[in-house]
């Protein structure tokens, strides 16, 4: 039994992705690469993404690049340093999630990368230290 399965009384397993795996099921579920929907999204994430204008997204990305060009930072530090600048026309007010989404897009675009250095959150958890490429 894997971490994504729960036992059933009849020997079958409930796959937490929503399927049922019975003892007689010969399907190889390890290679099932269907995209799993967000469990609790009631359309709010989709609506927020649609609401964000290209100019806002561009300004957020530019702000993150500016912050990381000063020195590498964790997502938490990016958020803190970004929010200090909110109010300036180049730094629109956005959520921490929007900042992480924009930073992730910059990583995919090759503009930002993992520095490889060890970093910690304010709670002491290990995290990625981001830098410009």
Foldseek 3Di string as FASTA:
>chain_A
DDPQWDADPVQWIQGVLGDIGHPPDPDDPVPPPDDRDDPPDPCPVVVVVVPQDPLQLVLLLVLLQVVQAVDWAFLVVSVVVLVVVDPPPSRDDDDSVSSVVSVVVCVVVQQKDFPPDWDADPVGHTGTTMHTD
